[in-house]
Amino acid sequence: MGTEGRIVLAYAKLLSEMQYGHQSSVRPDLFKRILGQYNNVFEGYGQHDSQECINTVLDFVHEDLYRKEKKPYVEMTESDGKSDQDASIEAWNKHVYRNESVILDLFHGQFKSKINCNQCDKISIVFDPFL
């Protein structure tokens, strides 16, 4: 899924050049080239959406810095009568168990979604992670 650490190393090199380099400007060409290799949306030099770019970079870094050997399968469930707090904690713990990385620690959160069926009046409540 990730870039085998290539995007992380290119980003670290870019940050190092920006912080400690002796040039008044820095070209992020290595970082940009590697990003384009793993997501062809970012190939070339066209203008791109910054939100899509940062999400892509964070997702690649997340995959590259994943803390486990293999991603475990985790079945997400609805709240099914549990309190919102208990259901939220359970959903979050499952998400953390499956996605352990520094990016999760810093950039992931959780939404609560509530859907009411107009025909049967069933209420479905789920807690979904976001980046």
N, C-alpha and C. Protein backbone atom coordinates (compact mmCIF):
# COMPACT_ATOMS: atom_id res chain seq x y z
N MET A 1 0.81 -1.20 0.00
CA MET A 1 0.00 0.00 0.00
C MET A 1 0.85 1.27 0.00
N GLY A 2 1.90 1.31 0.77
CA GLY A 2 2.69 2.53 0.89
C GLY A 2 3.72 2.65 -0.21
N THR A 3 4.78 3.35 0.09
CA THR A 3 5.84 3.61 -0.89
C THR A 3 7.16 2.97 -0.47
N GLU A 4 7.10 2.02 0.45
CA GLU A 4 8.29 1.35 0.97
C GLU A 4 9.27 2.35 1.59
N GLY A 5 8.74 3.40 2.16
CA GLY A 5 9.55 4.39 2.85
C GLY A 5 10.12 5.49 1.96
N ARG A 6 9.90 5.40 0.65
CA ARG A 6 10.49 6.38 -0.28
C ARG A 6 9.93 7.78 -0.05
N ILE A 7 8.63 7.91 0.17
CA ILE A 7 8.04 9.24 0.34
C ILE A 7 8.49 9.85 1.67
N VAL A 8 8.63 9.01 2.70
CA VAL A 8 9.09 9.50 4.00
C VAL A 8 10.52 10.03 3.90
N LEU A 9 11.39 9.28 3.22
CA LEU A 9 12.78 9.71 3.07
C LEU A 9 12.88 10.98 2.22
N ALA A 10 12.09 11.06 1.15
CA ALA A 10 12.12 12.25 0.29
C ALA A 10 11.59 13.46 1.06
N TYR A 11 10.58 13.26 1.87
CA TYR A 11 10.03 14.37 2.66
C TYR A 11 11.04 14.82 3.72
N ALA A 12 11.70 13.87 4.36
CA ALA A 12 12.72 14.21 5.36
C ALA A 12 13.87 14.98 4.71
N LYS A 13 14.28 14.56 3.52
CA LYS A 13 15.34 15.26 2.80
C LYS A 13 14.90 16.68 2.46
N LEU A 14 13.66 16.84 2.00
CA LEU A 14 13.13 18.16 1.67
C LEU A 14 13.11 19.06 2.90
N LEU A 15 12.62 18.55 4.01
CA LEU A 15 12.58 19.35 5.24
C LEU A 15 13.99 19.72 5.70
N SER A 16 14.92 18.79 5.58
CA SER A 16 16.30 19.06 5.97
C SER A 16 16.91 20.16 5.10
N GLU A 17 16.66 20.10 3.80
CA GLU A 17 17.16 21.13 2.90
C GLU A 17 16.55 22.49 3.24
N MET A 18 15.28 22.49 3.58
CA MET A 18 14.61 23.75 3.92
C MET A 18 15.17 24.32 5.23
N GLN A 19 15.43 23.46 6.20
CA GLN A 19 15.88 23.90 7.51
C GLN A 19 17.36 24.22 7.56
N TYR A 20 18.17 23.33 6.99
CA TYR A 20 19.62 23.43 7.17
C TYR A 20 20.39 23.76 5.90
N GLY A 21 19.69 23.80 4.76
CA GLY A 21 20.37 24.07 3.50
C GLY A 21 20.91 25.49 3.42
N HIS A 22 21.84 25.68 2.50
CA HIS A 22 22.48 26.98 2.36
C HIS A 22 21.92 27.76 1.18
N GLN A 23 20.87 27.23 0.56
CA GLN A 23 20.25 27.89 -0.58
C GLN A 23 19.09 28.77 -0.10
N SER A 24 18.80 29.83 -0.85
CA SER A 24 17.68 30.70 -0.48
C SER A 24 16.34 30.13 -0.93
N SER A 25 16.39 29.12 -1.81
CA SER A 25 15.16 28.44 -2.24
C SER A 25 15.45 26.95 -2.40
N VAL A 26 14.41 26.15 -2.35
CA VAL A 26 14.55 24.70 -2.43
C VAL A 26 13.57 24.18 -3.47
N ARG A 27 14.03 23.28 -4.32
CA ARG A 27 13.17 22.63 -5.31
C ARG A 27 12.75 21.28 -4.77
N PRO A 28 11.45 21.05 -4.62
CA PRO A 28 10.98 19.76 -4.10
C PRO A 28 10.83 18.71 -5.20
N ASP A 29 11.73 18.69 -6.20
CA ASP A 29 11.56 17.83 -7.35
C ASP A 29 11.62 16.34 -7.03
N LEU A 30 12.50 15.89 -6.14
CA LEU A 30 12.55 14.48 -5.76
C LEU A 30 11.25 14.06 -5.08
N PHE A 31 10.82 14.86 -4.13
CA PHE A 31 9.56 14.57 -3.42
C PHE A 31 8.40 14.52 -4.40
N LYS A 32 8.32 15.49 -5.30
CA LYS A 32 7.23 15.56 -6.28
C LYS A 32 7.27 14.38 -7.23
N ARG A 33 8.46 14.00 -7.67
CA ARG A 33 8.60 12.88 -8.59
C ARG A 33 8.14 11.57 -7.94
N ILE A 34 8.57 11.34 -6.70
CA ILE A 34 8.16 10.11 -6.00
C ILE A 34 6.65 10.11 -5.75
N LEU A 35 6.10 11.24 -5.37
CA LEU A 35 4.65 11.33 -5.18
C LEU A 35 3.92 10.97 -6.47
N GLY A 36 4.38 11.48 -7.60
CA GLY A 36 3.78 11.17 -8.89
C GLY A 36 3.92 9.71 -9.30
N GLN A 37 5.00 9.07 -8.87
CA GLN A 37 5.20 7.66 -9.19
C GLN A 37 4.17 6.78 -8.49
N TYR A 38 3.76 7.16 -7.30
CA TYR A 38 2.83 6.34 -6.53
C TYR A 38 1.37 6.78 -6.67
N ASN A 39 1.15 7.98 -7.18
CA ASN A 39 -0.21 8.45 -7.47
C ASN A 39 -0.13 9.29 -8.73
N ASN A 40 -0.57 8.71 -9.86
CA ASN A 40 -0.39 9.37 -11.15
C ASN A 40 -1.16 10.68 -11.28
N VAL A 41 -2.07 10.97 -10.37
CA VAL A 41 -2.75 12.27 -10.38
C VAL A 41 -1.72 13.39 -10.23
N PHE A 42 -0.63 13.11 -9.51
CA PHE A 42 0.37 14.13 -9.23
C PHE A 42 1.59 14.06 -10.15
N GLU A 43 1.49 13.32 -11.24
CA GLU A 43 2.54 13.31 -12.25
C GLU A 43 2.54 14.65 -12.98
N GLY A 44 3.67 15.02 -13.50
CA GLY A 44 3.75 16.25 -14.28
C GLY A 44 3.72 17.49 -13.39
N TYR A 45 3.45 18.61 -14.02
CA TYR A 45 3.53 19.87 -13.31
C TYR A 45 2.24 20.68 -13.38
N GLY A 46 1.11 20.00 -13.55
CA GLY A 46 -0.17 20.69 -13.53
C GLY A 46 -0.53 21.12 -12.12
N GLN A 47 -1.51 21.98 -12.04
CA GLN A 47 -1.96 22.46 -10.72
C GLN A 47 -2.87 21.41 -10.09
N HIS A 48 -2.74 21.21 -8.79
CA HIS A 48 -3.51 20.20 -8.09
C HIS A 48 -4.16 20.78 -6.85
N ASP A 49 -5.16 20.08 -6.38
CA ASP A 49 -5.87 20.48 -5.17
C ASP A 49 -4.98 20.20 -3.96
N SER A 50 -4.75 21.21 -3.14
CA SER A 50 -3.84 21.06 -2.00
C SER A 50 -4.38 20.09 -0.96
N GLN A 51 -5.70 20.06 -0.75
CA GLN A 51 -6.29 19.13 0.21
C GLN A 51 -6.08 17.68 -0.24
N GLU A 52 -6.28 17.43 -1.52
CA GLU A 52 -6.06 16.09 -2.05
C GLU A 52 -4.59 15.69 -1.93
N CYS A 53 -3.70 16.65 -2.17
CA CYS A 53 -2.26 16.38 -2.07
C CYS A 53 -1.86 16.02 -0.65
N ILE A 54 -2.27 16.84 0.32
CA ILE A 54 -1.86 16.56 1.70
C ILE A 54 -2.47 15.26 2.20
N ASN A 55 -3.72 14.95 1.81
CA ASN A 55 -4.33 13.67 2.19
C ASN A 55 -3.54 12.50 1.61
N THR A 56 -3.12 12.64 0.36
CA THR A 56 -2.35 11.58 -0.30
C THR A 56 -1.01 11.39 0.40
N VAL A 57 -0.31 12.48 0.67
CA VAL A 57 0.98 12.40 1.34
C VAL A 57 0.83 11.78 2.73
N LEU A 58 -0.15 12.25 3.50
CA LEU A 58 -0.36 11.70 4.85
C LEU A 58 -0.72 10.22 4.79
N ASP A 59 -1.51 9.82 3.80
CA ASP A 59 -1.87 8.41 3.67
C ASP A 59 -0.64 7.56 3.34
N PHE A 60 0.20 8.04 2.43
CA PHE A 60 1.43 7.30 2.12
C PHE A 60 2.35 7.22 3.34
N VAL A 61 2.53 8.31 4.05
CA VAL A 61 3.38 8.31 5.24
C VAL A 61 2.80 7.37 6.30
N HIS A 62 1.47 7.40 6.44
CA HIS A 62 0.79 6.50 7.38
C HIS A 62 1.11 5.05 7.04
N GLU A 63 0.98 4.68 5.78
CA GLU A 63 1.26 3.30 5.37
C GLU A 63 2.74 2.95 5.56
N ASP A 64 3.62 3.89 5.23
CA ASP A 64 5.06 3.62 5.36
C ASP A 64 5.51 3.49 6.81
N LEU A 65 4.85 4.19 7.72
CA LEU A 65 5.25 4.16 9.12
C LEU A 65 4.35 3.28 9.98
N TYR A 66 3.62 2.39 9.32
CA TYR A 66 2.73 1.46 10.02
C TYR A 66 3.54 0.62 11.00
N ARG A 67 3.03 0.47 12.22
CA ARG A 67 3.81 -0.14 13.30
C ARG A 67 3.75 -1.66 13.37
N LYS A 68 2.86 -2.29 12.63
CA LYS A 68 2.73 -3.74 12.72
C LYS A 68 3.25 -4.39 11.46
N GLU A 69 3.49 -5.68 11.57
CA GLU A 69 3.98 -6.46 10.43
C GLU A 69 2.90 -6.59 9.35
N LYS A 70 1.67 -6.86 9.78
CA LYS A 70 0.56 -7.08 8.84
C LYS A 70 -0.71 -6.47 9.43
N LYS A 71 -1.54 -5.87 8.57
CA LYS A 71 -2.79 -5.26 9.05
C LYS A 71 -3.79 -6.36 9.43
N PRO A 72 -4.28 -6.33 10.66
CA PRO A 72 -5.29 -7.32 11.05
C PRO A 72 -6.65 -6.94 10.50
N TYR A 73 -7.49 -7.94 10.28
CA TYR A 73 -8.87 -7.69 9.86
C TYR A 73 -9.67 -7.31 11.10
N VAL A 74 -10.44 -6.24 10.99
CA VAL A 74 -11.30 -5.80 12.08
C VAL A 74 -12.67 -5.50 11.50
N GLU A 75 -13.69 -6.10 12.09
CA GLU A 75 -15.05 -5.85 11.62
C GLU A 75 -15.64 -4.66 12.36
N MET A 76 -16.03 -3.64 11.60
CA MET A 76 -16.64 -2.47 12.20
C MET A 76 -18.12 -2.77 12.48
N THR A 77 -18.61 -2.26 13.57
CA THR A 77 -19.98 -2.55 13.98
C THR A 77 -20.74 -1.27 14.26
N GLU A 78 -22.08 -1.40 14.30
CA GLU A 78 -22.93 -0.28 14.70
C GLU A 78 -23.03 -0.27 16.22
N SER A 79 -23.61 0.80 16.74
CA SER A 79 -23.67 0.95 18.20
C SER A 79 -24.61 -0.05 18.86
N ASP A 80 -25.68 -0.47 18.17
CA ASP A 80 -26.60 -1.51 18.66
C ASP A 80 -26.99 -1.37 20.13
N GLY A 81 -27.49 -0.20 20.49
CA GLY A 81 -28.01 0.01 21.84
C GLY A 81 -26.98 0.42 22.88
N LYS A 82 -25.70 0.41 22.52
CA LYS A 82 -24.68 0.85 23.47
C LYS A 82 -24.76 2.37 23.61
N SER A 83 -24.24 2.88 24.69
CA SER A 83 -24.18 4.33 24.83
C SER A 83 -23.23 4.87 23.76
N ASP A 84 -23.43 6.14 23.38
CA ASP A 84 -22.56 6.74 22.37
C ASP A 84 -21.10 6.68 22.80
N GLN A 85 -20.84 6.92 24.06
CA GLN A 85 -19.46 6.90 24.54
C GLN A 85 -18.85 5.50 24.39
N ASP A 86 -19.58 4.47 24.80
CA ASP A 86 -19.06 3.10 24.70
C ASP A 86 -18.87 2.69 23.25
N ALA A 87 -19.84 3.00 22.39
CA ALA A 87 -19.75 2.65 20.98
C ALA A 87 -18.60 3.40 20.31
N SER A 88 -18.43 4.66 20.67
CA SER A 88 -17.35 5.47 20.11
C SER A 88 -15.98 4.90 20.51
N ILE A 89 -15.83 4.57 21.77
CA ILE A 89 -14.56 4.01 22.26
C ILE A 89 -14.26 2.68 21.58
N GLU A 90 -15.27 1.83 21.45
CA GLU A 90 -15.08 0.53 20.79
C GLU A 90 -14.65 0.72 19.34
N ALA A 91 -15.33 1.61 18.61
CA ALA A 91 -15.00 1.85 17.21
C ALA A 91 -13.59 2.44 17.09
N TRP A 92 -13.26 3.37 17.98
CA TRP A 92 -11.92 3.99 17.93
C TRP A 92 -10.83 2.96 18.23
N ASN A 93 -11.04 2.11 19.22
CA ASN A 93 -10.05 1.09 19.57
C ASN A 93 -9.83 0.12 18.40
N LYS A 94 -10.88 -0.23 17.70
CA LYS A 94 -10.74 -1.10 16.53
C LYS A 94 -9.95 -0.39 15.43
N HIS A 95 -10.24 0.88 15.24
CA HIS A 95 -9.52 1.66 14.22
C HIS A 95 -8.03 1.75 14.57
N VAL A 96 -7.72 2.03 15.82
CA VAL A 96 -6.32 2.13 16.25
C VAL A 96 -5.62 0.78 16.11
N TYR A 97 -6.30 -0.30 16.49
CA TYR A 97 -5.72 -1.64 16.40
C TYR A 97 -5.31 -1.96 14.96
N ARG A 98 -6.13 -1.54 14.00
CA ARG A 98 -5.87 -1.84 12.60
C ARG A 98 -4.90 -0.85 11.94
N ASN A 99 -4.78 0.36 12.46
CA ASN A 99 -4.06 1.42 11.76
C ASN A 99 -2.98 2.11 12.58
N GLU A 100 -2.26 1.41 13.38
CA GLU A 100 -1.27 2.03 14.26
C GLU A 100 -0.14 2.69 13.48
N SER A 101 -0.02 4.01 13.62
CA SER A 101 1.10 4.77 13.05
C SER A 101 1.14 6.14 13.70
N VAL A 102 2.22 6.84 13.49
CA VAL A 102 2.35 8.20 14.03
C VAL A 102 1.33 9.12 13.36
N ILE A 103 0.97 8.86 12.12
CA ILE A 103 -0.03 9.68 11.44
C ILE A 103 -1.39 9.52 12.11
N LEU A 104 -1.74 8.32 12.51
CA LEU A 104 -2.98 8.12 13.26
C LEU A 104 -2.93 8.91 14.56
N ASP A 105 -1.80 8.85 15.25
CA ASP A 105 -1.66 9.56 16.52
C ASP A 105 -1.89 11.07 16.37
N LEU A 106 -1.45 11.62 15.26
CA LEU A 106 -1.47 13.07 15.08
C LEU A 106 -2.66 13.61 14.28
N PHE A 107 -3.17 12.83 13.30
CA PHE A 107 -4.10 13.40 12.34
C PHE A 107 -5.45 12.70 12.19
N HIS A 108 -5.68 11.61 12.88
CA HIS A 108 -6.96 10.91 12.73
C HIS A 108 -7.95 11.35 13.80
N GLY A 109 -9.21 11.31 13.45
CA GLY A 109 -10.29 11.64 14.38
C GLY A 109 -11.48 10.76 14.08
N GLN A 110 -12.62 11.13 14.62
CA GLN A 110 -13.80 10.28 14.50
C GLN A 110 -15.05 11.13 14.34
N PHE A 111 -15.91 10.72 13.38
CA PHE A 111 -17.22 11.32 13.18
C PHE A 111 -18.30 10.39 13.71
N LYS A 112 -19.37 10.96 14.17
CA LYS A 112 -20.56 10.19 14.51
C LYS A 112 -21.58 10.42 13.41
N SER A 113 -22.12 9.32 12.85
CA SER A 113 -23.15 9.41 11.83
C SER A 113 -24.43 8.75 12.35
N LYS A 114 -25.53 9.45 12.18
CA LYS A 114 -26.81 8.92 12.63
C LYS A 114 -27.77 8.99 11.45
N ILE A 115 -28.35 7.84 11.10
CA ILE A 115 -29.29 7.76 9.99
C ILE A 115 -30.61 7.20 10.49
N ASN A 116 -31.69 7.90 10.17
CA ASN A 116 -33.04 7.43 10.50
C ASN A 116 -33.71 6.95 9.24
N CYS A 117 -34.26 5.73 9.27
CA CYS A 117 -35.02 5.21 8.15
C CYS A 117 -36.45 5.75 8.22
N ASN A 118 -36.90 6.39 7.14
CA ASN A 118 -38.25 6.96 7.12
C ASN A 118 -39.34 5.91 7.04
N GLN A 119 -39.02 4.71 6.59
CA GLN A 119 -40.03 3.67 6.44
C GLN A 119 -40.19 2.81 7.69
N CYS A 120 -39.09 2.41 8.30
CA CYS A 120 -39.19 1.50 9.45
C CYS A 120 -38.80 2.16 10.77
N ASP A 121 -38.38 3.41 10.74
CA ASP A 121 -37.97 4.17 11.91
C ASP A 121 -36.72 3.61 12.60
N LYS A 122 -35.99 2.73 11.93
CA LYS A 122 -34.74 2.22 12.51
C LYS A 122 -33.70 3.33 12.51
N ILE A 123 -32.99 3.44 13.58
CA ILE A 123 -31.91 4.42 13.71
C ILE A 123 -30.58 3.68 13.68
N SER A 124 -29.70 4.10 12.80
CA SER A 124 -28.38 3.50 12.69
C SER A 124 -27.35 4.55 13.10
N ILE A 125 -26.52 4.20 14.08
CA ILE A 125 -25.47 5.09 14.55
C ILE A 125 -24.13 4.39 14.39
N VAL A 126 -23.23 5.04 13.67
CA VAL A 126 -21.88 4.50 13.48
C VAL A 126 -20.86 5.59 13.78
N PHE A 127 -19.67 5.18 14.13
CA PHE A 127 -18.57 6.09 14.39
C PHE A 127 -17.47 5.80 13.37
N ASP A 128 -17.24 6.75 12.48
CA ASP A 128 -16.31 6.58 11.38
C ASP A 128 -15.04 7.40 11.58
N PRO A 129 -13.89 6.81 11.29
CA PRO A 129 -12.64 7.58 11.40
C PRO A 129 -12.47 8.51 10.20
N PHE A 130 -11.68 9.56 10.42
CA PHE A 130 -11.32 10.46 9.32
C PHE A 130 -9.86 10.86 9.47
N LEU A 131 -9.30 11.29 8.37
CA LEU A 131 -7.91 11.76 8.34
C LEU A 131 -7.95 13.26 8.14
